[in-house]
Protein backbone atom coordinates (compact mmCIF):
# COMPACT_ATOMS: atom_id res chain seq x y z
CA UNK A 1 29.31 102.08 -4.45
CA UNK A 2 27.02 102.14 -1.41
CA UNK A 3 29.29 101.98 1.63
CA UNK A 4 27.05 102.25 4.74
CA UNK A 5 23.72 101.15 6.03
CA UNK A 6 21.98 97.84 6.26
CA UNK A 7 22.00 95.50 3.25
CA UNK A 8 18.82 93.43 2.66
CA UNK A 9 17.69 90.83 0.10
CA UNK A 10 13.91 91.17 0.05
CA UNK A 11 11.15 89.28 -1.69
CA UNK A 12 8.17 91.32 -3.01
CA UNK A 13 5.33 88.85 -2.62
CA UNK A 14 5.50 87.57 0.98
CA UNK A 15 2.13 86.10 1.76
CA UNK A 16 0.22 88.66 3.80
CA UNK A 17 2.66 91.54 3.22
CA UNK A 18 4.40 93.09 0.26
CA UNK A 19 8.16 93.77 0.09
CA UNK A 20 7.65 97.21 -1.42
CA UNK A 21 5.42 98.21 1.59
CA UNK A 22 8.04 96.87 3.97
CA UNK A 23 10.81 98.66 2.09
CA UNK A 24 8.98 102.03 2.43
CA UNK A 25 8.77 101.43 6.19
CA UNK A 26 12.44 100.49 6.46
CA UNK A 27 13.98 103.17 4.29
CA UNK A 28 16.20 105.35 4.16
CA UNK A 29 19.21 103.57 5.54
CA UNK A 30 18.92 100.31 3.68
CA UNK A 31 20.44 99.00 0.49
CA UNK A 32 17.73 96.65 -0.77
CA UNK A 33 18.08 94.05 -3.53
CA UNK A 34 14.70 92.69 -4.45
CA UNK A 35 14.58 89.08 -5.51
CA UNK A 36 11.31 88.16 -7.18
CA UNK A 37 9.44 86.48 -9.89
CA UNK A 38 7.40 89.56 -10.71
CA UNK A 39 8.82 92.00 -13.39
CA UNK A 40 5.83 94.41 -12.98
CA UNK A 41 7.18 95.69 -9.63
CA UNK A 42 10.57 96.87 -11.00
CA UNK A 43 9.58 100.52 -11.56
CA UNK A 44 8.08 100.82 -8.11
CA UNK A 45 11.15 99.09 -6.58
CA UNK A 46 13.54 101.62 -8.27
CA UNK A 47 11.25 104.49 -7.20
CA UNK A 48 12.21 103.38 -3.68
CA UNK A 49 15.87 103.65 -4.75
CA UNK A 50 16.38 99.93 -4.62
CA UNK A 51 20.03 98.93 -5.02
CA UNK A 52 19.15 95.92 -7.28
CA UNK A 53 16.34 93.89 -8.71
CA UNK A 54 16.87 90.19 -9.52
CA UNK A 55 14.46 87.97 -11.26
CA UNK A 56 13.98 84.39 -10.07
CA UNK A 57 15.57 82.04 -10.64
CA UNK A 58 18.50 84.29 -9.72
CA UNK A 59 21.78 83.05 -11.16
CA UNK A 60 24.82 82.87 -8.97
CA UNK A 61 26.62 85.33 -11.25
CA UNK A 62 23.86 87.85 -10.86
CA UNK A 63 23.83 87.58 -7.04
CA UNK A 64 27.63 87.88 -7.06
CA UNK A 65 27.48 90.97 -9.25
CA UNK A 66 25.01 92.65 -6.89
CA UNK A 67 26.95 91.73 -3.73
CA UNK A 68 30.16 92.96 -5.37
CA UNK A 69 28.46 96.30 -6.04
CA UNK A 70 27.53 96.54 -2.34
CA UNK A 71 30.68 95.33 -0.76
CA UNK A 72 33.31 95.84 -3.46
CA UNK A 73 35.70 92.88 -3.95
CA UNK A 74 35.57 92.32 -0.17
CA UNK A 75 32.37 90.24 -0.03
CA UNK A 76 32.10 88.95 3.50
CA UNK A 77 32.94 85.32 3.67
CA UNK A 78 30.42 82.87 5.01
CA UNK A 79 30.97 81.63 8.49
CA UNK A 80 31.51 77.92 9.07
CA UNK A 81 28.68 76.66 11.30
CA UNK A 82 28.83 73.15 12.79
CA UNK A 83 25.91 71.62 14.58
CA UNK A 84 26.36 68.36 16.49
CA UNK A 85 23.07 66.66 17.28
CA UNK A 86 24.22 63.24 18.41
CA UNK A 87 25.74 62.66 21.94
CA UNK A 88 25.60 66.15 23.32
CA UNK A 89 24.12 69.09 21.44
CA UNK A 90 26.76 71.67 20.39
CA UNK A 91 27.03 74.46 17.97
CA UNK A 92 30.25 76.10 16.84
CA UNK A 93 30.80 79.06 14.57
CA UNK A 94 34.23 79.22 12.88
CA UNK A 95 35.47 76.61 15.40
CA UNK A 96 34.35 78.50 18.53
CA UNK A 97 31.53 77.06 20.63
CA UNK A 98 28.36 79.02 20.69
CA UNK A 99 27.43 80.18 24.17
CA UNK A 100 23.88 80.49 25.25
CA UNK A 101 22.92 82.99 27.97
CA UNK A 102 19.93 80.90 28.97
CA UNK A 103 19.46 77.14 28.85
CA UNK A 104 15.95 77.55 27.62
CA UNK A 105 17.25 79.29 24.41
CA UNK A 106 19.49 76.26 23.74
CA UNK A 107 16.55 73.89 24.38
CA UNK A 108 14.33 75.80 21.94
CA UNK A 109 17.09 75.69 19.30
CA UNK A 110 17.40 71.89 19.77
CA UNK A 111 13.63 71.55 19.15
CA UNK A 112 13.83 73.70 16.04
CA UNK A 113 16.68 71.62 14.64
């Protein structure tokens, strides 16, 4: 089981770039699982030592299997994120308020949301 390095879910067709090209640039410390609708790229992906290759629509069981391979049974749990937009704008992660170093960052996030 891969134990170190960055883990990445990566599409192959991404508009102006290609996930295989990006993977070549990012290797060797990545564990990449490609998620795509294109079966013809599978051989090229595994030549790059891809950790996995999922065809869309990816089933929950398939994603879970790939993540279990990467993390073992200790798949990281998702964090609980709460965004309050009425009254005053607040974001909390696992019950702890998110602190912004700059007020401008908070303002930009408000605009995005």
